[in-house]
């Protein structure tokens, strides 16, 4: 797998862990064989789910509705971005009007 796809969520209150873990489980089932959910990172006001894949755009298309639905449980996505493992800079897939430089916290 050549790319790291990161889905970033708001977590100012620092209470997203259980929701992130539940969403991870959903994504593992949804992406069965298509990509590998590698885990999560939480801190500095954000929570990230990390996915390894060869096709980050296709994976995002598959999970986007599930990620957006998580907002119903107060797990609000901020951005989805990817990079090759041998690169430092991320390319933002979503939202299309994202401004600034994507960084993992």
Protein backbone atom coordinates (compact mmCIF):
# COMPACT_ATOMS: atom_id res chain seq x y z
CA UNK A 1 0.00 0.00 0.00
CA UNK A 2 1.55 3.24 -1.17
CA UNK A 3 -0.55 5.96 0.47
CA UNK A 4 -1.63 7.12 3.88
CA UNK A 5 -5.16 8.54 3.96
CA UNK A 6 -6.00 10.57 7.06
CA UNK A 7 -9.51 11.54 8.09
CA UNK A 8 -9.38 14.31 10.66
CA UNK A 9 -12.12 15.18 13.18
CA UNK A 10 -12.71 17.95 15.68
CA UNK A 11 -11.90 16.94 19.26
CA UNK A 12 -11.52 20.16 21.25
CA UNK A 13 -13.10 18.55 24.33
CA UNK A 14 -10.82 15.50 24.13
CA UNK A 15 -13.70 13.05 24.37
CA UNK A 16 -13.78 11.52 20.87
CA UNK A 17 -11.91 8.28 21.60
CA UNK A 18 -14.92 5.94 21.90
CA UNK A 19 -16.61 7.48 18.86
CA UNK A 20 -13.40 7.24 16.82
CA UNK A 21 -12.96 3.58 17.78
CA UNK A 22 -16.58 2.82 16.82
CA UNK A 23 -16.15 4.56 13.47
CA UNK A 24 -12.88 2.68 12.89
CA UNK A 25 -14.75 -0.60 13.34
CA UNK A 26 -17.34 0.51 10.76
CA UNK A 27 -14.62 1.49 8.30
CA UNK A 28 -12.75 -1.80 8.77
CA UNK A 29 -15.91 -3.67 7.82
CA UNK A 30 -16.73 -1.30 4.94
CA UNK A 31 -13.22 -1.45 3.46
CA UNK A 32 -12.73 -5.19 3.83
CA UNK A 33 -9.88 -6.06 1.47
CA UNK A 34 -9.82 -2.65 -0.24
CA UNK A 35 -7.64 -0.83 2.30
CA UNK A 36 -6.22 -1.26 5.80
CA UNK A 37 -7.44 0.88 8.70
CA UNK A 38 -4.16 1.39 10.53
CA UNK A 39 -5.46 3.05 13.68
CA UNK A 40 -5.99 6.48 15.14
CA UNK A 41 -4.21 9.39 16.79
CA UNK A 42 -5.81 11.79 19.23
CA UNK A 43 -4.45 15.07 20.55
CA UNK A 44 -4.14 18.82 20.12
CA UNK A 45 -7.85 19.29 19.52
CA UNK A 46 -8.19 16.75 16.73
CA UNK A 47 -8.63 13.03 16.22
CA UNK A 48 -7.34 11.22 13.13
CA UNK A 49 -8.19 7.89 11.57
CA UNK A 50 -5.34 6.55 9.45
CA UNK A 51 -5.89 4.27 6.46
CA UNK A 52 -3.28 2.62 4.24
CA UNK A 53 -4.30 2.21 0.61
CA UNK A 54 -3.19 2.20 -2.99
CA UNK A 55 -6.25 4.20 -4.06
CA UNK A 56 -6.93 7.06 -1.61
CA UNK A 57 -9.53 8.80 -3.80
CA UNK A 58 -11.51 5.61 -4.32
CA UNK A 59 -11.36 4.78 -0.61
CA UNK A 60 -12.56 8.28 0.32
CA UNK A 61 -15.49 7.94 -2.10
CA UNK A 62 -16.42 4.66 -0.40
CA UNK A 63 -16.24 5.98 3.18
CA UNK A 64 -17.38 9.60 2.75
CA UNK A 65 -21.06 8.99 3.51
CA UNK A 66 -20.18 6.94 6.62
CA UNK A 67 -17.80 9.65 7.85
CA UNK A 68 -20.35 12.39 7.27
CA UNK A 69 -23.03 10.34 9.05
CA UNK A 70 -20.76 10.22 12.12
CA UNK A 71 -21.59 13.91 12.64
CA UNK A 72 -24.97 12.73 13.93
CA UNK A 73 -23.01 11.36 16.91
CA UNK A 74 -21.09 14.64 17.30
CA UNK A 75 -18.03 13.32 15.49
CA UNK A 76 -17.46 16.12 13.00
CA UNK A 77 -14.98 15.58 10.19
CA UNK A 78 -12.67 18.48 9.39
CA UNK A 79 -10.76 17.08 6.40
CA UNK A 80 -9.62 14.02 4.50
CA UNK A 81 -6.13 14.11 3.01
CA UNK A 82 -3.55 11.68 1.66
CA UNK A 83 0.15 11.45 0.88
CA UNK A 84 2.53 8.88 -0.48
CA UNK A 85 4.45 7.23 2.36
CA UNK A 86 7.69 8.71 1.06
CA UNK A 87 6.35 12.31 1.05
CA UNK A 88 5.69 14.85 3.79
CA UNK A 89 2.95 16.99 2.22
CA UNK A 90 -0.69 15.96 2.13
CA UNK A 91 -3.20 16.50 -0.66
CA UNK A 92 -6.65 17.39 0.67
CA UNK A 93 -9.50 15.42 -0.88
CA UNK A 94 -12.30 16.87 1.21
CA UNK A 95 -13.63 19.45 1.66
CA UNK A 96 -12.93 20.82 -1.78
CA UNK A 97 -12.70 24.37 -0.40
CA UNK A 98 -10.16 23.49 2.31
CA UNK A 99 -7.79 26.35 2.97
CA UNK A 100 -4.38 26.16 4.55
CA UNK A 101 -1.96 23.30 4.88
CA UNK A 102 -3.22 19.97 6.20
CA UNK A 103 -1.27 18.72 9.22
CA UNK A 104 -1.69 15.82 11.57
CA UNK A 105 -1.73 16.99 15.17
